[in-house]
Amino acid sequence: MSAVITGIGSRSSLPLSNPKFRPYLTNTDIQAADECIGSIYGFVLDRGGKIADIELNGKLVAVPFDDIMSARHKIAVVSGRHKTEVVSKVLKNGYINEIITNAETALRLLDLA
């Protein structure tokens, strides 16, 4: 795989806080919800911006994470000040290496760098 394109979710879009996902969550998942900041490639991220060690991530039907990481171009399309914390951590962790965004989000990311 040479390229992957993804969005990045903020805390408000996490399945951990969506009542429709409740039947799929374990007590461990629910307890970890406060420690999760967003998502990428469908995986929930912990406070450090790493793939969270929760059971819900193991239930995800997706391209294996190692395959995603081997792609030459890991592109995120993202906008919004509310996403800059998670985007900053995703960039630092190397989960993406290219970003498409708007000026406001880009400037906020530069402030966080």
C-alpha atoms as a PDB file:
ATOM      1  CA  MET A   1       0.000   0.000   0.000  1.00  0.00           C
ATOM      2  CA  SER A   2       1.547   3.301  -1.019  1.00  0.00           C
ATOM      3  CA  ALA A   3      -0.998   5.742   0.459  1.00  0.00           C
ATOM      4  CA  VAL A   4      -3.764   5.954   3.040  1.00  0.00           C
ATOM      5  CA  ILE A   5      -6.137   8.849   3.623  1.00  0.00           C
ATOM      6  CA  THR A   6      -7.927   9.311   6.927  1.00  0.00           C
ATOM      7  CA  GLY A   7      -9.849  11.757   9.005  1.00  0.00           C
ATOM      8  CA  ILE A   8      -9.075  12.391  12.647  1.00  0.00           C
ATOM      9  CA  GLY A   9     -11.813  12.322  15.229  1.00  0.00           C
ATOM     10  CA  SER A  10     -11.926  14.413  18.366  1.00  0.00           C
ATOM     11  CA  ARG A  11     -13.106  13.297  21.803  1.00  0.00           C
ATOM     12  CA  SER A  12     -16.710  14.236  20.963  1.00  0.00           C
ATOM     13  CA  SER A  13     -16.835  11.768  18.062  1.00  0.00           C
ATOM     14  CA  LEU A  14     -15.528   8.753  19.976  1.00  0.00           C
ATOM     15  CA  PRO A  15     -17.673   5.610  19.975  1.00  0.00           C
ATOM     16  CA  LEU A  16     -16.995   5.390  23.730  1.00  0.00           C
ATOM     17  CA  SER A  17     -19.404   8.278  24.276  1.00  0.00           C
ATOM     18  CA  ASN A  18     -22.022   7.203  21.725  1.00  0.00           C
ATOM     19  CA  PRO A  19     -24.996   5.328  23.266  1.00  0.00           C
ATOM     20  CA  LYS A  20     -25.393   3.247  20.088  1.00  0.00           C
ATOM     21  CA  PHE A  21     -22.019   1.599  20.773  1.00  0.00           C
ATOM     22  CA  ARG A  22     -22.867   0.760  24.399  1.00  0.00           C
ATOM     23  CA  PRO A  23     -23.644  -2.946  23.677  1.00  0.00           C
ATOM     24  CA  TYR A  24     -20.135  -3.379  22.222  1.00  0.00           C
ATOM     25  CA  LEU A  25     -18.242  -1.762  25.094  1.00  0.00           C
ATOM     26  CA  THR A  26     -16.746  -3.609  28.017  1.00  0.00           C
ATOM     27  CA  ASN A  27     -16.363  -2.155  31.513  1.00  0.00           C
ATOM     28  CA  THR A  28     -12.664  -1.655  30.703  1.00  0.00           C
ATOM     29  CA  ASP A  29     -13.576   0.379  27.614  1.00  0.00           C
ATOM     30  CA  ILE A  30     -16.020   2.526  29.586  1.00  0.00           C
ATOM     31  CA  GLN A  31     -13.496   3.144  32.383  1.00  0.00           C
ATOM     32  CA  ALA A  32     -10.854   4.179  29.819  1.00  0.00           C
ATOM     33  CA  ALA A  33     -13.144   6.698  28.093  1.00  0.00           C
ATOM     34  CA  ASP A  34     -11.858   9.680  30.087  1.00  0.00           C
ATOM     35  CA  GLU A  35      -8.290   8.826  29.045  1.00  0.00           C
ATOM     36  CA  CYS A  36      -9.071   8.820  25.310  1.00  0.00           C
ATOM     37  CA  ILE A  37      -8.653  11.946  23.181  1.00  0.00           C
ATOM     38  CA  GLY A  38      -9.705  11.028  19.656  1.00  0.00           C
ATOM     39  CA  SER A  39      -9.359   8.512  16.857  1.00  0.00           C
ATOM     40  CA  ILE A  40      -7.496   7.778  13.645  1.00  0.00           C
ATOM     41  CA  TYR A  41      -7.945   5.019  11.058  1.00  0.00           C
ATOM     42  CA  GLY A  42     -10.920   3.945  13.188  1.00  0.00           C
ATOM     43  CA  PHE A  43      -8.745   3.262  16.248  1.00  0.00           C
ATOM     44  CA  VAL A  44      -9.397   5.066  19.535  1.00  0.00           C
ATOM     45  CA  LEU A  45      -6.378   6.982  20.872  1.00  0.00           C
ATOM     46  CA  ASP A  46      -5.248   7.361  24.478  1.00  0.00           C
ATOM     47  CA  ARG A  47      -4.154  10.610  26.148  1.00  0.00           C
ATOM     48  CA  GLY A  48      -0.654  10.258  24.650  1.00  0.00           C
ATOM     49  CA  GLY A  49      -2.059   9.944  21.137  1.00  0.00           C
ATOM     50  CA  LYS A  50      -1.190   6.231  20.929  1.00  0.00           C
ATOM     51  CA  ILE A  51      -3.583   3.440  20.005  1.00  0.00           C
ATOM     52  CA  ALA A  52      -5.539   2.892  23.239  1.00  0.00           C
ATOM     53  CA  ASP A  53      -5.266  -0.468  24.952  1.00  0.00           C
ATOM     54  CA  ILE A  54      -9.010  -1.092  24.981  1.00  0.00           C
ATOM     55  CA  GLU A  55     -11.041  -4.045  23.822  1.00  0.00           C
ATOM     56  CA  LEU A  56     -13.059  -1.958  21.357  1.00  0.00           C
ATOM     57  CA  ASN A  57      -9.922  -1.417  19.230  1.00  0.00           C
ATOM     58  CA  GLY A  58      -9.576  -5.212  18.977  1.00  0.00           C
ATOM     59  CA  LYS A  59     -13.083  -5.458  17.536  1.00  0.00           C
ATOM     60  CA  LEU A  60     -12.359  -2.999  14.726  1.00  0.00           C
ATOM     61  CA  VAL A  61     -12.605  -4.319  11.185  1.00  0.00           C
ATOM     62  CA  ALA A  62      -9.868  -2.398   9.396  1.00  0.00           C
ATOM     63  CA  VAL A  63      -6.576  -2.678   7.575  1.00  0.00           C
ATOM     64  CA  PRO A  64      -4.014  -3.904  10.129  1.00  0.00           C
ATOM     65  CA  PHE A  65      -2.297  -0.952  11.799  1.00  0.00           C
ATOM     66  CA  ASP A  66       1.196  -2.185  10.841  1.00  0.00           C
ATOM     67  CA  ASP A  67       0.130  -2.201   7.169  1.00  0.00           C
ATOM     68  CA  ILE A  68      -1.133   1.365   7.500  1.00  0.00           C
ATOM     69  CA  MET A  69       2.147   2.455   9.086  1.00  0.00           C
ATOM     70  CA  SER A  70       4.126   0.937   6.205  1.00  0.00           C
ATOM     71  CA  ALA A  71       2.375   3.190   3.663  1.00  0.00           C
ATOM     72  CA  ARG A  72       4.648   5.855   2.191  1.00  0.00           C
ATOM     73  CA  HIS A  73       1.940   8.527   2.304  1.00  0.00           C
ATOM     74  CA  LYS A  74      -0.193   8.694   5.454  1.00  0.00           C
ATOM     75  CA  ILE A  75      -2.504  11.629   4.759  1.00  0.00           C
ATOM     76  CA  ALA A  76      -5.030  13.182   7.147  1.00  0.00           C
ATOM     77  CA  VAL A  77      -7.789  15.557   6.120  1.00  0.00           C
ATOM     78  CA  VAL A  78      -8.765  17.551   9.186  1.00  0.00           C
ATOM     79  CA  SER A  79     -10.060  20.942  10.285  1.00  0.00           C
ATOM     80  CA  GLY A  80     -11.181  22.529  13.512  1.00  0.00           C
ATOM     81  CA  ARG A  81      -9.518  23.985  16.588  1.00  0.00           C
ATOM     82  CA  HIS A  82     -11.118  21.244  18.698  1.00  0.00           C
ATOM     83  CA  LYS A  83      -9.005  18.648  16.866  1.00  0.00           C
ATOM     84  CA  THR A  84      -5.600  20.292  17.169  1.00  0.00           C
ATOM     85  CA  GLU A  85      -4.545  18.486  20.372  1.00  0.00           C
ATOM     86  CA  VAL A  86      -5.133  15.055  18.861  1.00  0.00           C
ATOM     87  CA  VAL A  87      -3.648  16.062  15.483  1.00  0.00           C
ATOM     88  CA  SER A  88      -0.513  17.344  17.196  1.00  0.00           C
ATOM     89  CA  LYS A  89      -0.038  14.038  19.034  1.00  0.00           C
ATOM     90  CA  VAL A  90      -0.784  11.974  15.920  1.00  0.00           C
ATOM     91  CA  LEU A  91       1.894  13.924  14.032  1.00  0.00           C
ATOM     92  CA  LYS A  92       4.425  13.448  16.859  1.00  0.00           C
ATOM     93  CA  ASN A  93       3.693   9.716  16.951  1.00  0.00           C
ATOM     94  CA  GLY A  94       4.244   9.422  13.199  1.00  0.00           C
ATOM     95  CA  TYR A  95       0.748   8.143  12.447  1.00  0.00           C
ATOM     96  CA  ILE A  96       0.490  10.658   9.604  1.00  0.00           C
ATOM     97  CA  ASN A  97       3.149  12.393   7.561  1.00  0.00           C
ATOM     98  CA  GLU A  98       0.986  14.639   5.388  1.00  0.00           C
ATOM     99  CA  ILE A  99      -1.961  16.831   6.292  1.00  0.00           C
ATOM    100  CA  ILE A 100      -4.677  18.687   4.409  1.00  0.00           C
ATOM    101  CA  THR A 101      -6.281  21.374   6.567  1.00  0.00           C
ATOM    102  CA  ASN A 102      -7.480  24.953   6.718  1.00  0.00           C
ATOM    103  CA  ALA A 103      -5.522  28.033   7.796  1.00  0.00           C
ATOM    104  CA  GLU A 104      -7.047  28.278  11.295  1.00  0.00           C
ATOM    105  CA  THR A 105      -6.199  24.674  12.158  1.00  0.00           C
ATOM    106  CA  ALA A 106      -2.706  24.971  10.653  1.00  0.00           C
ATOM    107  CA  LEU A 107      -1.935  28.103  12.667  1.00  0.00           C
ATOM    108  CA  ARG A 108      -3.163  26.477  15.883  1.00  0.00           C
ATOM    109  CA  LEU A 109      -0.981  23.420  15.169  1.00  0.00           C
ATOM    110  CA  LEU A 110       2.020  25.709  14.725  1.00  0.00           C
ATOM    111  CA  ASP A 111       1.239  27.294  18.107  1.00  0.00           C
ATOM    112  CA  LEU A 112       1.304  23.834  19.706  1.00  0.00           C
ATOM    113  CA  ALA A 113       4.571  22.791  18.024  1.00  0.00           C
END
